[in-house]
Amino acid sequence: MAAGSAEPEPFRRRWREEPAGGAKRRRRDAAERPEPESRRGAAEPGEPSYLALARDLLDGGAPPAPARRGPSPARPAEEPAGSDDGDDLLGQLIRDLNEINEVPFFDVQLPYELALKIFQYLGKAELGRCAQVSRTWKILAEDEVLWYRLCQQEGYLLDTSISDHSCWKVALRSCRARERTLKTNWKNRIGAVSQLEYELGKILCDVHSCEGVVIAGYTSGEVRLWDTRTWDYTAPILEPMHGPGDAGPQPHVSFVRINSSLAVAAYEDGTVSVWNLMFGREPIHHYQHNQRIQALALASEGATVATASGFEVKVESSDDRGFWQTTQTFEIQKLVNFLHLVPDVTGCPVTVAAAEDVVYLLKAEAPGKILHSVYGQPVTCLDVSAHEAAFGVRNFGWLLNEPNQILLYNLETSQCLKKMGNSIGDFTCVNLRSSPANMLVTGNKDRRIRVFDLRKSEALCSLYAHQLGVSAVQMDDWKIVSGGEEGLVCVWDQRMGTKLWEMHARHPVRHVWFNSHSLITANVPDERSPRGSSVLAEELSACRKYRGIIYAYEFSVDQLAVESVLPICRSSYDEVTGYNYNIGLAVPYDNV
């Protein structure tokens, strides 16, 4: 045991002597080594000072102590790094790195134009990160050509050139901020709401709009226009074409349509009048059908009008010199319910007509071509785009034992692409032309709004909306506006599937149109000559409820908050009493 305990003693003695010997050796080496300051000052030619300082620290030297001196102005980054200023190692390293302020990539190996060509494939976030790399990359990332292209790609300021703005980055930022403000105004119903006025004794028959210009036809035979883009509601009256024996009352207006340059109205007696919006109130073209007109269509661009009367479909067009003529006439075997002109067609116009359970594709080279026909399945709604047609069919259940569906056809191949929907109610409206790409929105009598993805043939969302069925619907990339037979207008958030707000009027909603900052709705009565109505001025309160109404909503940023109150809620406080249809709005006498 004694021998075993004596074995660790030499180890303990060496362990105590080794630190003391190491300290003696370090003191001896320090005495033989020259001073650290002299070594620190003598750097090899061409060697950075921070390398000499790092080598001295590795050899055992101590970092230099900061020298005391009076306040002096800040030293620029370009001052030589080898000066004895007493800074610490971190400050010395930062100054040496600042001397290398150029990245030898784009400014050396590539010309500026080629570097700009590479940068154009980057987005906003990538350009912002590249601008933080160096001064050269910052100049490239903030080039006006790049931000002008980004602004055009996102759909802002499409009708401008690159010289119209001095800083396109700021222009894009302001456009996006305006878009966010408009979206907030839409969601919170912030803006101005106005009623397009009518005259006494006139019942609204039909309404249509195009880019903020509204056309309306009345039972008195008058056709009126409003331009909501200028917020000026002084509506001019479009004069009809008077014949030598037209001394009596004018026939009712059946249909009205409008595009960017033309306005068209069809009357109960088969008369059709066409006006040019730039040439005054007198019609530029006029033609007559022998029977009542069942459907009217106007091309989205250009001067082409199609009408259906009886078993005849007539297409009228204008040539380059402004002369109108009948370009096509088609004879079909059934009465037409829906009629549309295919947009963006070069050459002879193409018409799609739905007559009971048959859908016709009417072309000059193939007259009377049948696109779809199934006996016992009548078409309940129709809409067309440049290459496709979508329509709803009603199935009675005894033929194919299938539910009511939406069919999508290709107009070039005449083939059925998709069958969508599975509903027991009739599809009452479909919107294909105004919907986003690969999207389609429909309304149904089962009180639901359905949004379909054309790539999957599935319903993305189904919204329960209107008690008496959906009568009009339109959507964009984030919202849906729907109108119902009970007179309710609803605005929905598509992604959340929730209702944002609603407005109510007495009659069914027959027209809905909106863009980024405005909304136009029309409540058109079903009865043209209601019993008990009067046209006398003193009976205004008795017949107002029969006439229909047109509302124009404006959500732009520059509208005053006081203008967001409906006209029925605005008052000069001269009346004894006031009332409000929507309690959520401002009560007219709440501040008296």
Foldseek 3Di string as FASTA:
>chain_A
DVVVVVVCPVVVVCVVVVVVVVVVVVVVVVVVDDDLVVQLLDDDPPDASLVSVVVSVVVPDDWFAADDDDDDDDDDLPPRLSDPRRDGSVVSVVSVVVVPQDDCDCVPPHDLVVVLVVLLVDDPVVLVVQLPPHVVSVCSSQDLVSLVVNCVVVPHPVVDDSPPDPGSVVVSVVVVVQLVLLVVCVLQVFFFKEWQDDAFPWFWAEWDDEPQKIWTWTQQGWIWIARCVVPDRPIDIQDEDDDPPPPDTDFGWHYWYDEPFKIWTAGQQFKIFMCGPVPDRYTPDIDGDRHGWQEKEAENDAAKIWTFGDQKIWIWHADPVGDIDTPDMAGDDAGWNYKYWEYPDPDWTWIWTFGFQWIATDDPVDHGHTLDHDPQWTWQEWDHYNFKIKTWTCHPCPPPNAHIWIWIATSVVSDTQATADGDNWTWNYKDDHQEPPQKIWTKTQVQWIFIARNVVSYTPDIARHDDRIWQDWHDYDFWIWTWAQQAKIWIAGVVVNDTSDIDGAHGTWHDWDDDSFKIKIKGHHPDNDDPPADRDPVCCVVHVNRRIIMMMTGSGPPGDRVSSAYPLQEDPPPDPDGDDPDPVGDHNPPPD
